[in-house]
Protein backbone atom coordinates (compact mmCIF):
# COMPACT_ATOMS: atom_id res chain seq x y z
CA MET A 1 120.41 188.17 104.76
CA LYS A 2 118.18 191.22 104.61
CA LYS A 3 116.36 189.97 107.69
CA TRP A 4 119.57 189.84 109.72
CA ILE A 5 120.58 193.31 108.55
CA LEU A 6 117.22 194.66 109.76
CA VAL A 7 117.69 192.93 113.12
CA LEU A 8 121.18 194.44 113.47
CA PHE A 9 119.93 197.94 112.75
CA ALA A 10 117.13 197.46 115.26
CA MET A 11 119.69 196.57 117.90
CA LEU A 12 121.97 199.54 117.27
CA PRO A 13 120.17 201.96 119.63
CA SER A 14 120.42 199.47 122.49
CA LEU A 15 124.05 198.81 121.74
CA ALA A 16 124.77 202.52 121.70
CA MET A 17 123.02 203.02 125.05
CA ALA A 18 124.96 200.18 126.59
CA ALA A 19 128.25 201.68 125.48
CA GLY A 20 130.04 204.24 127.62
CA ALA A 21 133.38 205.46 128.83
CA ASN A 22 135.97 202.81 129.61
CA VAL A 23 135.63 203.22 133.38
CA PRO A 24 135.77 200.36 135.92
CA LEU A 25 132.29 199.84 137.33
CA ASP A 26 131.49 199.43 141.01
CA LYS A 27 129.27 196.55 142.07
CA ALA A 28 125.73 197.54 142.93
CA ASN A 29 125.13 194.33 144.92
CA ASN A 30 121.36 194.71 144.69
CA ASP A 31 118.93 192.65 146.73
CA LEU A 32 115.44 192.51 145.20
CA SER A 33 114.12 190.76 148.31
CA ASP A 34 114.95 193.80 150.47
CA GLN A 35 111.61 195.61 150.51
CA ALA A 36 112.90 198.45 152.69
CA SER A 37 115.53 199.17 150.04
CA LEU A 38 112.94 199.00 147.25
CA GLN A 39 110.60 201.33 149.12
CA ASN A 40 113.35 203.88 149.70
CA GLY A 41 114.37 203.53 146.05
CA ALA A 42 110.79 204.21 144.96
CA LYS A 43 110.70 207.32 147.15
CA LEU A 44 113.98 208.58 145.69
CA PHE A 45 112.83 207.87 142.14
CA MET A 46 109.54 209.71 142.57
CA ASN A 47 111.14 212.70 144.31
CA TYR A 48 114.29 213.13 142.24
CA CYS A 49 113.80 211.39 138.88
CA PHE A 50 110.12 211.34 138.07
CA ALA A 51 109.87 215.06 137.35
CA CYS A 52 111.69 214.42 134.06
CA HIS A 53 111.75 210.63 133.60
CA SER A 54 108.64 208.52 133.45
CA ALA A 55 108.23 204.81 134.19
CA GLN A 56 105.36 204.39 131.78
CA TYR A 57 105.40 200.59 131.69
CA GLN A 58 104.67 200.41 135.42
CA ARG A 59 101.50 201.15 137.36
CA TYR A 60 101.36 202.81 140.77
CA GLU A 61 99.17 200.04 142.16
CA ARG A 62 101.43 197.22 140.92
CA VAL A 63 104.54 198.92 142.33
CA ALA A 64 102.89 199.51 145.70
CA THR A 65 101.67 195.91 145.92
CA ASP A 66 104.98 194.38 144.83
CA ILE A 67 107.21 196.30 147.25
CA GLY A 68 104.87 196.37 150.22
CA ILE A 69 103.55 199.93 150.27
CA PRO A 70 99.89 200.32 151.35
CA LEU A 71 97.85 201.73 148.47
CA GLU A 72 96.61 204.71 150.46
CA LEU A 73 100.16 205.55 151.52
CA MET A 74 101.33 205.26 147.92
CA LYS A 75 98.52 207.49 146.71
CA GLU A 76 99.11 210.09 149.41
CA ASN A 77 102.91 210.32 149.25
CA LEU A 78 104.18 209.06 145.90
CA VAL A 79 101.48 209.97 143.38
CA PHE A 80 102.05 213.66 142.75
CA ASP A 81 99.46 214.19 140.03
CA PRO A 82 96.17 215.05 141.80
CA ASN A 83 94.23 213.73 138.80
CA ALA A 84 96.05 210.39 138.67
CA LYS A 85 94.42 207.19 139.87
CA ILE A 86 96.24 204.46 141.74
CA GLY A 87 95.82 202.13 138.75
CA ASP A 88 97.31 204.58 136.23
CA LEU A 89 100.60 204.17 134.42
CA MET A 90 103.52 206.10 135.92
CA GLU A 91 103.77 208.86 133.33
CA ASN A 92 105.09 212.34 134.09
CA ALA A 93 103.53 215.55 132.83
CA ILE A 94 106.37 217.03 130.76
CA PRO A 95 105.48 217.24 127.04
CA ASP A 96 108.20 215.79 124.81
CA GLU A 97 108.41 219.08 122.89
CA SER A 98 109.15 221.07 126.05
CA ALA A 99 111.63 218.48 127.32
CA ALA A 100 113.47 218.51 123.98
CA LYS A 101 113.67 222.31 124.14
CA TRP A 102 115.01 222.37 127.70
CA PHE A 103 117.37 219.39 127.58
CA GLY A 104 118.12 218.97 123.87
CA ALA A 105 116.19 215.68 123.77
CA PRO A 106 113.27 214.21 125.72
CA PRO A 107 114.54 212.43 128.86
CA PRO A 108 114.18 208.67 128.32
CA ASP A 109 111.69 206.50 130.11
CA LEU A 110 113.47 204.62 132.91
CA THR A 111 111.31 201.52 133.28
CA LEU A 112 113.84 199.31 131.47
CA VAL A 113 117.02 201.34 132.01
CA ALA A 114 118.53 198.77 134.39
CA ARG A 115 118.12 196.04 131.77
CA VAL A 116 119.65 198.21 129.04
CA ARG A 117 122.50 199.77 130.98
CA GLY A 118 123.08 197.24 133.74
CA THR A 119 122.83 197.83 137.48
CA ASP A 120 126.59 198.26 138.00
CA TRP A 121 126.68 200.95 135.31
CA LEU A 122 123.77 202.84 136.90
CA TYR A 123 125.26 202.59 140.39
CA THR A 124 128.62 203.91 139.21
CA TYR A 125 127.09 206.57 136.98
CA LEU A 126 124.96 208.10 139.73
CA ARG A 127 128.04 208.36 141.95
CA SER A 128 130.29 209.84 139.25
CA PHE A 129 128.96 213.36 138.76
CA TYR A 130 131.38 216.19 139.41
CA ALA A 131 131.26 219.99 139.26
CA ASP A 132 132.21 221.37 135.84
CA PRO A 133 131.35 225.04 135.22
CA ALA A 134 131.95 224.58 131.49
CA ARG A 135 128.89 222.33 131.14
CA PRO A 136 125.33 223.72 130.66
CA PHE A 137 124.09 222.28 133.97
CA GLY A 138 127.37 222.85 135.80
CA VAL A 139 128.25 219.17 136.09
CA ASN A 140 129.95 216.42 134.13
CA ASN A 141 130.25 212.70 134.66
CA ILE A 142 133.21 210.33 134.67
CA VAL A 143 131.21 207.40 133.30
CA PHE A 144 129.20 209.47 130.81
CA PRO A 145 131.38 212.40 129.65
CA SER A 146 129.50 215.52 128.48
CA VAL A 147 126.37 214.31 130.23
CA GLY A 148 123.24 216.23 129.29
CA MET A 149 121.39 216.16 132.61
CA PRO A 150 121.83 217.92 135.96
CA HIS A 151 123.03 216.16 139.09
CA VAL A 152 119.57 215.70 140.60
CA LEU A 153 120.90 214.05 143.78
CA GLU A 154 123.25 216.92 144.61
CA GLU A 155 121.31 217.99 147.70
CA LEU A 156 121.85 214.50 149.10
CA GLN A 157 125.51 214.17 148.13
CA GLY A 158 126.66 217.78 148.27
CA ILE A 159 128.75 219.41 145.55
CA PRO A 160 130.99 216.70 144.06
CA VAL A 161 134.48 218.13 143.61
CA PRO A 162 136.66 216.41 140.97
CA ILE A 163 139.97 214.80 141.86
CA ILE A 164 142.22 215.64 138.93
CA GLU A 165 145.34 213.80 137.83
CA THR A 166 147.77 215.84 135.71
CA LYS A 167 150.16 214.26 133.20
CA VAL A 168 152.54 215.73 130.65
CA VAL A 169 152.49 213.84 127.35
CA ASP A 170 154.71 215.03 124.49
CA GLY A 171 155.03 218.40 126.16
CA GLU A 172 151.26 218.77 126.52
CA THR A 173 149.60 218.91 129.93
CA ILE A 174 146.62 216.57 130.16
CA GLU A 175 144.21 216.67 133.06
CA THR A 176 142.06 213.63 133.84
CA VAL A 177 139.32 213.32 136.42
CA VAL A 178 140.10 210.16 138.37
CA GLY A 179 137.63 210.50 141.20
CA ILE A 180 135.34 212.79 143.14
CA GLU A 181 134.81 213.87 146.73
CA SER A 182 131.86 215.70 148.26
CA ASP A 183 132.32 219.15 149.76
CA GLY A 184 130.30 217.97 152.75
CA THR A 185 127.24 220.17 152.18
CA GLY A 186 124.91 217.28 151.35
CA GLU A 187 122.23 215.82 153.58
CA LEU A 188 124.00 212.43 153.59
CA ASN A 189 127.54 211.31 154.30
CA GLN A 190 129.36 209.21 151.71
CA GLU A 191 128.24 205.85 153.09
CA GLU A 192 124.62 206.98 153.35
CA TYR A 193 124.70 208.42 149.84
CA ASP A 194 126.12 205.21 148.40
CA GLN A 195 123.31 203.27 150.09
CA ALA A 196 120.69 205.69 148.78
CA VAL A 197 121.99 205.24 145.23
CA ARG A 198 121.99 201.47 145.73
CA ASP A 199 118.34 201.64 146.85
CA LEU A 200 117.46 203.71 143.77
CA VAL A 201 119.23 201.27 141.45
CA ASN A 202 117.56 198.38 143.26
CA PHE A 203 114.16 199.91 142.49
CA LEU A 204 115.12 200.47 138.85
CA GLU A 205 116.19 196.83 138.56
CA TYR A 206 112.84 195.76 139.99
CA SER A 207 111.04 198.07 137.51
CA GLY A 208 112.79 196.44 134.58
CA ASP A 209 111.79 192.92 135.66
CA PRO A 210 109.04 192.95 138.32
CA VAL A 211 108.60 189.16 138.35
CA LYS A 212 112.28 188.24 138.56
CA LEU A 213 112.09 186.81 142.08
CA GLU A 214 108.87 184.93 141.28
CA ARG A 215 110.43 183.52 138.11
CA HIS A 216 113.52 182.35 139.98
CA ALA A 217 111.40 180.74 142.72
CA LEU A 218 109.26 178.99 140.12
CA GLY A 219 112.41 177.79 138.39
CA TRP A 220 113.47 175.83 141.48
CA TRP A 221 110.08 174.13 141.62
CA VAL A 222 110.34 173.24 137.93
CA MET A 223 113.83 171.79 138.45
CA ALA A 224 112.60 169.74 141.42
CA PHE A 225 109.68 168.42 139.35
CA LEU A 226 112.01 167.45 136.50
CA VAL A 227 114.32 165.58 138.88
CA ILE A 228 111.44 163.64 140.45
CA PHE A 229 109.89 163.00 137.03
CA THR A 230 113.22 161.69 135.71
CA ILE A 231 113.54 159.28 138.64
CA VAL A 232 110.00 158.00 138.08
CA VAL A 233 110.63 157.55 134.34
CA VAL A 234 113.90 155.65 134.94
CA LEU A 235 112.25 153.32 137.47
CA LEU A 236 109.29 152.80 135.13
CA LYS A 237 111.64 151.96 132.25
CA LYS A 238 113.49 149.38 134.37
CA GLU A 239 110.22 147.80 135.45
CA TYR A 240 108.89 147.69 131.88
CA TRP A 241 112.03 146.18 130.33
CA ARG A 242 112.56 143.65 133.11
CA ASP A 243 110.26 141.07 131.46
CA VAL A 244 111.57 141.83 127.97
CA HIS A 245 115.09 140.79 128.87
């Protein structure tokens, strides 16, 4: 009994991270075989996320090899620490103490975030920021209310303006954010921004399970072997028992 209680308490942080606002999630529709998408996702992650969030369970060399980026190109364009080697872990340079002071808590490592949160949650979350002057960083989020991080992709999307629905309940006016729309100042239009977010989420899904495609491919070979082995065993059994009967 005590063992199960300890297991439950160990799971609580993950359960809390997986929880969120009761908002319908959009489908990310990732494709881990799309190397162009993974490469663009890696570029977006390194340029917009890596300054605060590390991916400390990944190595630059492994990422480059897996998603088809030449090592020299990776080193030149996506390894920002001049002292880092191509075989190093992808750790950023922000001390946890400084990050806690600036943001209230150290930004989490994102290597496994897609496995904890889910790809649909990430895809919806990154497209659900909206301008809110009352918040410390000037933005809020429909999926994650009172979010504690800035909208780092704002230059791509533009300023996300909230679409507000107003209702009167028991004489009290209640305003609810039901959607967002860009003010058009971003570098990308809506379709391009959605695709950029999908590429970023695609990369994060890869980071959480780098051998997923290999495992699935191996699984088909294992299933084929088991089918052939079963046929051989059945035929061998019939041949063996033929003389017995």
